[in-house]
PDB file of N, CA and C in Angstrom:
ATOM      1  N   MET A   1      45.317  50.547  38.990  1.00  0.00           N
ATOM      2  CA  MET A   1      44.378  51.650  37.962  1.00  0.00           C
ATOM      3  C   MET A   1      45.752  52.592  37.969  1.00  0.00           C
ATOM      4  N   LYS A   2      45.982  52.836  36.864  1.00  0.00           N
ATOM      5  CA  LYS A   2      46.884  54.048  36.209  1.00  0.00           C
ATOM      6  C   LYS A   2      46.085  54.779  35.951  1.00  0.00           C
ATOM      7  N   VAL A   3      46.510  56.205  36.585  1.00  0.00           N
ATOM      8  CA  VAL A   3      45.821  57.566  36.566  1.00  0.00           C
ATOM      9  C   VAL A   3      47.284  58.245  35.889  1.00  0.00           C
ATOM     10  N   SER A   4      46.881  59.290  34.794  1.00  0.00           N
ATOM     11  CA  SER A   4      47.615  60.054  34.011  1.00  0.00           C
ATOM     12  C   SER A   4      47.369  61.292  34.382  1.00  0.00           C
ATOM     13  N   LYS A   5      48.385  62.335  34.506  1.00  0.00           N
ATOM     14  CA  LYS A   5      48.513  63.288  34.419  1.00  0.00           C
ATOM     15  C   LYS A   5      49.336  64.173  34.058  1.00  0.00           C
ATOM     16  N   GLY A   6      49.202  65.343  33.512  1.00  0.00           N
ATOM     17  CA  GLY A   6      50.145  65.957  32.739  1.00  0.00           C
ATOM     18  C   GLY A   6      49.821  66.729  31.533  1.00  0.00           C
ATOM     19  N   LYS A   7      50.607  66.446  30.702  1.00  0.00           N
ATOM     20  CA  LYS A   7      50.392  67.527  29.418  1.00  0.00           C
ATOM     21  C   LYS A   7      49.342  66.842  28.686  1.00  0.00           C
ATOM     22  N   ALA A   8      48.064  67.771  28.481  1.00  0.00           N
ATOM     23  CA  ALA A   8      46.645  67.578  27.690  1.00  0.00           C
ATOM     24  C   ALA A   8      46.701  67.071  26.376  1.00  0.00           C
ATOM     25  N   LYS A   9      45.926  66.247  25.666  1.00  0.00           N
ATOM     26  CA  LYS A   9      46.001  65.894  24.796  1.00  0.00           C
ATOM     27  C   LYS A   9      44.993  66.431  23.681  1.00  0.00           C
ATOM     28  N   LYS A  10      44.522  66.300  22.689  1.00  0.00           N
ATOM     29  CA  LYS A  10      44.050  66.971  21.827  1.00  0.00           C
ATOM     30  C   LYS A  10      42.259  66.951  22.473  1.00  0.00           C
ATOM     31  N   GLY A  11      41.662  67.881  22.667  1.00  0.00           N
ATOM     32  CA  GLY A  11      40.392  67.605  23.417  1.00  0.00           C
ATOM     33  C   GLY A  11      40.325  67.441  24.866  1.00  0.00           C
ATOM     34  N   GLU A  12      41.300  67.499  25.407  1.00  0.00           N
ATOM     35  CA  GLU A  12      41.140  66.841  26.735  1.00  0.00           C
ATOM     36  C   GLU A  12      41.505  68.605  27.489  1.00  0.00           C
ATOM     37  N   LYS A  13      41.517  68.303  28.976  1.00  0.00           N
ATOM     38  CA  LYS A  13      41.324  69.843  29.743  1.00  0.00           C
ATOM     39  C   LYS A  13      42.478  69.617  30.752  1.00  0.00           C
ATOM     40  N   MET A  14      43.261  70.080  30.830  1.00  0.00           N
ATOM     41  CA  MET A  14      44.551  70.097  31.597  1.00  0.00           C
ATOM     42  C   MET A  14      43.685  70.264  33.330  1.00  0.00           C
ATOM     43  N   GLY A  15      44.656  69.627  33.871  1.00  0.00           N
ATOM     44  CA  GLY A  15      44.100  69.379  35.431  1.00  0.00           C
ATOM     45  C   GLY A  15      43.023  67.991  35.813  1.00  0.00           C
ATOM     46  N   LYS A  16      42.449  67.369  34.944  1.00  0.00           N
ATOM     47  CA  LYS A  16      41.923  66.139  34.826  1.00  0.00           C
ATOM     48  C   LYS A  16      42.853  65.208  34.957  1.00  0.00           C
ATOM     49  N   GLU A  17      42.022  64.213  35.977  1.00  0.00           N
ATOM     50  CA  GLU A  17      42.903  62.797  35.645  1.00  0.00           C
ATOM     51  C   GLU A  17      42.098  61.454  35.002  1.00  0.00           C
ATOM     52  N   PHE A  18      43.135  61.140  34.720  1.00  0.00           N
ATOM     53  CA  PHE A  18      42.407  59.879  33.073  1.00  0.00           C
ATOM     54  C   PHE A  18      43.387  58.318  33.919  1.00  0.00           C
ATOM     55  N   THR A  19      42.483  57.726  33.486  1.00  0.00           N
ATOM     56  CA  THR A  19      42.992  56.201  33.644  1.00  0.00           C
ATOM     57  C   THR A  19      43.066  55.319  32.331  1.00  0.00           C
ATOM     58  N   THR A  20      43.804  54.234  32.092  1.00  0.00           N
ATOM     59  CA  THR A  20      43.577  53.562  31.219  1.00  0.00           C
ATOM     60  C   THR A  20      42.973  52.390  30.821  1.00  0.00           C
ATOM     61  N   VAL A  21      41.801  52.372  30.060  1.00  0.00           N
ATOM     62  CA  VAL A  21      40.950  51.291  29.892  1.00  0.00           C
ATOM     63  C   VAL A  21      41.140  50.177  28.835  1.00  0.00           C
ATOM     64  N   SER A  22      41.226  49.059  28.858  1.00  0.00           N
ATOM     65  CA  SER A  22      41.611  48.035  27.608  1.00  0.00           C
ATOM     66  C   SER A  22      40.137  47.686  27.326  1.00  0.00           C
ATOM     67  N   ILE A  23      39.857  48.088  25.921  1.00  0.00           N
ATOM     68  CA  ILE A  23      38.729  47.555  25.104  1.00  0.00           C
ATOM     69  C   ILE A  23      39.472  46.571  23.805  1.00  0.00           C
ATOM     70  N   PRO A  24      38.493  45.375  23.780  1.00  0.00           N
ATOM     71  CA  PRO A  24      39.310  44.669  22.411  1.00  0.00           C
ATOM     72  C   PRO A  24      39.675  45.714  21.135  1.00  0.00           C
ATOM     73  N   THR A  25      40.447  45.205  20.307  1.00  0.00           N
ATOM     74  CA  THR A  25      40.907  46.229  19.219  1.00  0.00           C
ATOM     75  C   THR A  25      39.787  46.290  18.027  1.00  0.00           C
ATOM     76  N   SER A  26      39.201  45.475  18.006  1.00  0.00           N
ATOM     77  CA  SER A  26      37.987  45.179  17.058  1.00  0.00           C
ATOM     78  C   SER A  26      36.537  46.137  17.290  1.00  0.00           C
ATOM     79  N   LEU A  27      36.483  46.628  18.701  1.00  0.00           N
ATOM     80  CA  LEU A  27      35.667  47.505  18.972  1.00  0.00           C
ATOM     81  C   LEU A  27      36.260  48.775  19.135  1.00  0.00           C
ATOM     82  N   TYR A  28      37.672  49.144  19.306  1.00  0.00           N
ATOM     83  CA  TYR A  28      38.118  50.107  19.089  1.00  0.00           C
ATOM     84  C   TYR A  28      38.333  50.783  17.710  1.00  0.00           C
ATOM     85  N   LYS A  29      38.142  49.667  16.903  1.00  0.00           N
ATOM     86  CA  LYS A  29      38.544  49.906  15.594  1.00  0.00           C
ATOM     87  C   LYS A  29      37.008  50.317  14.496  1.00  0.00           C
ATOM     88  N   LYS A  30      35.815  49.778  15.458  1.00  0.00           N
ATOM     89  CA  LYS A  30      34.575  49.983  15.161  1.00  0.00           C
ATOM     90  C   LYS A  30      34.381  51.324  15.588  1.00  0.00           C
ATOM     91  N   ILE A  31      34.681  51.826  16.684  1.00  0.00           N
ATOM     92  CA  ILE A  31      34.559  53.015  16.909  1.00  0.00           C
ATOM     93  C   ILE A  31      35.134  54.054  16.308  1.00  0.00           C
ATOM     94  N   GLU A  32      36.100  53.674  16.052  1.00  0.00           N
ATOM     95  CA  GLU A  32      37.067  55.019  14.870  1.00  0.00           C
ATOM     96  C   GLU A  32      36.474  55.256  13.635  1.00  0.00           C
ATOM     97  N   GLU A  33      35.952  53.948  13.487  1.00  0.00           N
ATOM     98  CA  GLU A  33      34.914  53.730  12.012  1.00  0.00           C
ATOM     99  C   GLU A  33      33.839  54.564  12.237  1.00  0.00           C
ATOM    100  N   LYS A  34      33.127  55.028  13.011  1.00  0.00           N
ATOM    101  CA  LYS A  34      32.154  55.549  13.484  1.00  0.00           C
ATOM    102  C   LYS A  34      32.151  56.725  13.765  1.00  0.00           C
ATOM    103  N   ILE A  35      33.356  57.274  14.443  1.00  0.00           N
ATOM    104  CA  ILE A  35      33.148  58.811  14.967  1.00  0.00           C
ATOM    105  C   ILE A  35      34.189  59.163  13.436  1.00  0.00           C
ATOM    106  N   LYS A  36      34.617  58.750  12.818  1.00  0.00           N
ATOM    107  CA  LYS A  36      35.205  59.371  11.285  1.00  0.00           C
ATOM    108  C   LYS A  36      34.114  60.518  10.759  1.00  0.00           C
ATOM    109  N   GLY A  37      34.725  61.304  10.593  1.00  0.00           N
ATOM    110  CA  GLY A  37      34.019  62.766  10.042  1.00  0.00           C
ATOM    111  C   GLY A  37      33.213  63.114  10.975  1.00  0.00           C
ATOM    112  N   SER A  38      33.056  62.794  12.294  1.00  0.00           N
ATOM    113  CA  SER A  38      32.185  63.513  13.104  1.00  0.00           C
ATOM    114  C   SER A  38      32.847  64.783  14.172  1.00  0.00           C
ATOM    115  N   GLU A  39      31.885  65.184  14.625  1.00  0.00           N
ATOM    116  CA  GLU A  39      32.864  66.461  16.078  1.00  0.00           C
ATOM    117  C   GLU A  39      33.701  65.423  16.914  1.00  0.00           C
ATOM    118  N   ILE A  40      33.294  64.005  17.075  1.00  0.00           N
ATOM    119  CA  ILE A  40      34.123  63.693  18.278  1.00  0.00           C
ATOM    120  C   ILE A  40      35.372  63.261  17.824  1.00  0.00           C
ATOM    121  N   SER A  41      36.500  64.124  18.711  1.00  0.00           N
ATOM    122  CA  SER A  41      38.019  64.165  18.289  1.00  0.00           C
ATOM    123  C   SER A  41      38.821  62.894  18.739  1.00  0.00           C
ATOM    124  N   SER A  42      38.352  61.534  19.474  1.00  0.00           N
ATOM    125  CA  SER A  42      38.983  60.736  19.708  1.00  0.00           C
ATOM    126  C   SER A  42      38.161  59.615  20.367  1.00  0.00           C
ATOM    127  N   VAL A  43      38.626  58.174  20.187  1.00  0.00           N
ATOM    128  CA  VAL A  43      37.940  56.914  20.706  1.00  0.00           C
ATOM    129  C   VAL A  43      37.540  57.291  22.312  1.00  0.00           C
ATOM    130  N   SER A  44      38.571  57.447  23.009  1.00  0.00           N
ATOM    131  CA  SER A  44      38.611  58.084  24.459  1.00  0.00           C
ATOM    132  C   SER A  44      37.008  58.940  24.845  1.00  0.00           C
ATOM    133  N   SER A  45      37.060  60.058  23.855  1.00  0.00           N
ATOM    134  CA  SER A  45      35.976  60.948  24.078  1.00  0.00           C
ATOM    135  C   SER A  45      34.604  60.318  23.603  1.00  0.00           C
ATOM    136  N   TYR A  46      34.951  59.200  22.663  1.00  0.00           N
ATOM    137  CA  TYR A  46      33.392  58.883  22.480  1.00  0.00           C
ATOM    138  C   TYR A  46      32.638  57.615  23.620  1.00  0.00           C
ATOM    139  N   VAL A  47      33.952  56.939  23.830  1.00  0.00           N
ATOM    140  CA  VAL A  47      33.575  55.818  25.083  1.00  0.00           C
ATOM    141  C   VAL A  47      33.058  56.692  26.266  1.00  0.00           C
ATOM    142  N   THR A  48      34.026  57.907  26.656  1.00  0.00           N
ATOM    143  CA  THR A  48      33.467  58.551  27.705  1.00  0.00           C
ATOM    144  C   THR A  48      31.986  59.300  27.850  1.00  0.00           C
ATOM    145  N   LYS A  49      31.512  59.742  26.492  1.00  0.00           N
ATOM    146  CA  LYS A  49      30.372  60.256  26.102  1.00  0.00           C
ATOM    147  C   LYS A  49      29.432  59.114  25.910  1.00  0.00           C
ATOM    148  N   VAL A  50      29.448  58.116  25.709  1.00  0.00           N
ATOM    149  CA  VAL A  50      28.523  56.880  25.849  1.00  0.00           C
ATOM    150  C   VAL A  50      28.730  56.743  27.406  1.00  0.00           C
ATOM    151  N   LEU A  51      29.604  56.629  27.980  1.00  0.00           N
ATOM    152  CA  LEU A  51      29.287  55.705  29.410  1.00  0.00           C
ATOM    153  C   LEU A  51      28.783  56.791  30.169  1.00  0.00           C
ATOM    154  N   ARG A  52      28.639  58.519  29.897  1.00  0.00           N
ATOM    155  CA  ARG A  52      28.133  58.882  30.979  1.00  0.00           C
ATOM    156  C   ARG A  52      26.954  58.936  30.377  1.00  0.00           C
ATOM    157  N   GLY A  53      26.313  58.918  29.443  1.00  0.00           N
ATOM    158  CA  GLY A  53      24.891  58.706  29.062  1.00  0.00           C
ATOM    159  C   GLY A  53      24.324  57.609  29.434  1.00  0.00           C
ATOM    160  N   SER A  54      25.238  56.442  29.673  1.00  0.00           N
ATOM    161  CA  SER A  54      24.763  55.286  30.337  1.00  0.00           C
ATOM    162  C   SER A  54      24.275  55.140  31.733  1.00  0.00           C
ATOM    163  N   LEU A  55      25.299  56.094  32.222  1.00  0.00           N
ATOM    164  CA  LEU A  55      25.379  56.295  34.056  1.00  0.00           C
ATOM    165  C   LEU A  55      24.085  56.826  34.238  1.00  0.00           C
ATOM    166  N   SER A  56      23.832  57.900  33.721  1.00  0.00           N
ATOM    167  CA  SER A  56      22.862  58.703  33.801  1.00  0.00           C
ATOM    168  C   SER A  56      21.489  58.089  33.414  1.00  0.00           C
ATOM    169  N   GLN A  57      21.443  57.102  32.547  1.00  0.00           N
ATOM    170  CA  GLN A  57      20.238  56.590  32.441  1.00  0.00           C
ATOM    171  C   GLN A  57      19.879  55.785  33.534  1.00  0.00           C
ATOM    172  N   GLU A  58      20.613  54.886  33.966  1.00  0.00           N
ATOM    173  CA  GLU A  58      20.826  54.033  35.017  1.00  0.00           C
ATOM    174  C   GLU A  58      20.389  54.958  36.329  1.00  0.00           C
ATOM    175  N   GLN A  59      20.988  55.909  36.686  1.00  0.00           N
ATOM    176  CA  GLN A  59      20.813  56.692  37.569  1.00  0.00           C
ATOM    177  C   GLN A  59      18.953  57.489  37.638  1.00  0.00           C
ATOM    178  N   LYS A  60      18.556  57.673  36.214  1.00  0.00           N
ATOM    179  CA  LYS A  60      17.143  58.025  36.064  1.00  0.00           C
ATOM    180  C   LYS A  60      16.526  56.732  36.536  1.00  0.00           C
ATOM    181  N   ILE A  61      16.691  55.460  35.817  1.00  0.00           N
ATOM    182  CA  ILE A  61      15.999  54.348  36.514  1.00  0.00           C
ATOM    183  C   ILE A  61      15.648  54.157  37.817  1.00  0.00           C
ATOM    184  N   GLU A  62      16.846  54.091  38.488  1.00  0.00           N
ATOM    185  CA  GLU A  62      17.092  54.082  39.590  1.00  0.00           C
ATOM    186  C   GLU A  62      15.756  55.053  40.545  1.00  0.00           C
ATOM    187  N   GLU A  63      15.790  56.009  40.285  1.00  0.00           N
ATOM    188  CA  GLU A  63      15.050  57.142  40.731  1.00  0.00           C
ATOM    189  C   GLU A  63      13.108  57.133  40.315  1.00  0.00           C
ATOM    190  N   VAL A  64      13.088  55.882  39.476  1.00  0.00           N
ATOM    191  CA  VAL A  64      11.674  56.143  39.356  1.00  0.00           C
ATOM    192  C   VAL A  64      11.077  55.612  40.314  1.00  0.00           C
ATOM    193  N   PHE A  65      11.298  54.838  41.219  1.00  0.00           N
ATOM    194  CA  PHE A  65      10.207  54.465  42.644  1.00  0.00           C
ATOM    195  C   PHE A  65      10.873  54.944  43.625  1.00  0.00           C
ATOM    196  N   SER A  66      10.135  55.624  44.565  1.00  0.00           N
ATOM    197  CA  SER A  66      10.447  55.928  45.919  1.00  0.00           C
ATOM    198  C   SER A  66      10.885  54.407  47.034  1.00  0.00           C
ATOM    199  N   LYS A  67      10.838  54.598  47.824  1.00  0.00           N
ATOM    200  CA  LYS A  67      10.915  53.600  48.768  1.00  0.00           C
ATOM    201  C   LYS A  67       9.396  53.420  49.151  1.00  0.00           C
ATOM    202  N   GLU A  68       9.062  54.497  49.309  1.00  0.00           N
ATOM    203  CA  GLU A  68       7.487  54.002  49.666  1.00  0.00           C
ATOM    204  C   GLU A  68       6.818  53.736  48.435  1.00  0.00           C
ATOM    205  N   ASP A  69       6.853  54.365  47.409  1.00  0.00           N
ATOM    206  CA  ASP A  69       6.159  53.817  45.833  1.00  0.00           C
ATOM    207  C   ASP A  69       6.502  52.119  46.021  1.00  0.00           C
ATOM    208  N   GLU A  70       7.611  52.221  46.389  1.00  0.00           N
ATOM    209  CA  GLU A  70       7.980  50.462  45.968  1.00  0.00           C
ATOM    210  C   GLU A  70       7.166  49.926  46.907  1.00  0.00           C
ATOM    211  N   GLU A  71       7.163  50.255  48.377  1.00  0.00           N
ATOM    212  CA  GLU A  71       6.215  49.530  48.850  1.00  0.00           C
ATOM    213  C   GLU A  71       4.767  49.289  48.552  1.00  0.00           C
ATOM    214  N   LYS A  72       4.079  50.057  47.969  1.00  0.00           N
ATOM    215  CA  LYS A  72       2.984  50.169  47.925  1.00  0.00           C
ATOM    216  C   LYS A  72       2.398  49.472  46.693  1.00  0.00           C
ATOM    217  N   VAL A  73       3.547  49.238  45.626  1.00  0.00           N
ATOM    218  CA  VAL A  73       3.448  48.146  44.646  1.00  0.00           C
ATOM    219  C   VAL A  73       3.551  47.065  45.178  1.00  0.00           C
ATOM    220  N   LYS A  74       4.360  46.453  46.145  1.00  0.00           N
ATOM    221  CA  LYS A  74       4.676  45.447  46.940  1.00  0.00           C
ATOM    222  C   LYS A  74       3.148  44.848  47.930  1.00  0.00           C
ATOM    223  N   GLU A  75       2.476  45.929  48.386  1.00  0.00           N
ATOM    224  CA  GLU A  75       1.289  45.599  49.203  1.00  0.00           C
ATOM    225  C   GLU A  75       0.043  45.388  48.151  1.00  0.00           C
ATOM    226  N   ARG A  76       0.250  45.823  47.118  1.00  0.00           N
ATOM    227  CA  ARG A  76      -0.593  45.841  45.933  1.00  0.00           C
ATOM    228  C   ARG A  76      -0.641  44.462  45.253  1.00  0.00           C
ATOM    229  N   LEU A  77       0.643  43.915  45.237  1.00  0.00           N
ATOM    230  CA  LEU A  77       1.250  42.649  44.652  1.00  0.00           C
ATOM    231  C   LEU A  77       0.703  41.216  45.168  1.00  0.00           C
ATOM    232  N   LYS A  78       0.686  41.749  46.722  1.00  0.00           N
ATOM    233  CA  LYS A  78       0.321  40.589  47.577  1.00  0.00           C
ATOM    234  C   LYS A  78      -1.098  40.343  47.582  1.00  0.00           C
ATOM    235  N   ALA A  79      -1.991  41.627  47.803  1.00  0.00           N
ATOM    236  CA  ALA A  79      -3.290  41.671  47.897  1.00  0.00           C
ATOM    237  C   ALA A  79      -4.028  41.169  46.510  1.00  0.00           C
ATOM    238  N   LEU A  80      -2.787  41.043  45.251  1.00  0.00           N
ATOM    239  CA  LEU A  80      -3.597  40.504  44.078  1.00  0.00           C
ATOM    240  C   LEU A  80      -3.110  38.877  44.158  1.00  0.00           C
ATOM    241  N   GLY A  81      -2.100  38.514  45.010  1.00  0.00           N
ATOM    242  CA  GLY A  81      -1.901  37.182  45.415  1.00  0.00           C
ATOM    243  C   GLY A  81      -0.745  37.168  44.254  1.00  0.00           C
ATOM    244  N   TYR A  82       0.412  37.872  43.814  1.00  0.00           N
ATOM    245  CA  TYR A  82       1.524  37.282  43.099  1.00  0.00           C
ATOM    246  C   TYR A  82       2.422  37.455  43.742  1.00  0.00           C
ATOM    247  N   ILE A  83       2.408  37.866  45.227  1.00  0.00           N
ATOM    248  CA  ILE A  83       3.567  37.383  45.947  1.00  0.00           C
ATOM    249  C   ILE A  83       3.685  36.901  47.101  1.00  0.00           C
ATOM    250  N   ASP A  84       4.087  36.505  48.135  1.00  0.00           N
ATOM    251  CA  ASP A  84       3.556  36.614  49.321  1.00  0.00           C
ATOM    252  C   ASP A  84       3.674  37.456  50.551  1.00  0.00           C
TER     253      ASP A  84
END
């Protein structure tokens, strides 16, 4: 993994570490078109924003059921004959 440090680029903060991720050129161009004229300064900024949002959503989904809730659901499904 390549991690970059040093002079911050436009929209980046000093002291943060960055790495390079490859995406298809066609996707990069689509993102460029999408962010034209928006407040988003770069494809990297857009991708970072989307990935953070996605990870946040995944975390929320994982937190929907506690282990106790999951066991109650399994017990109910067994009682109804859906699982053994």
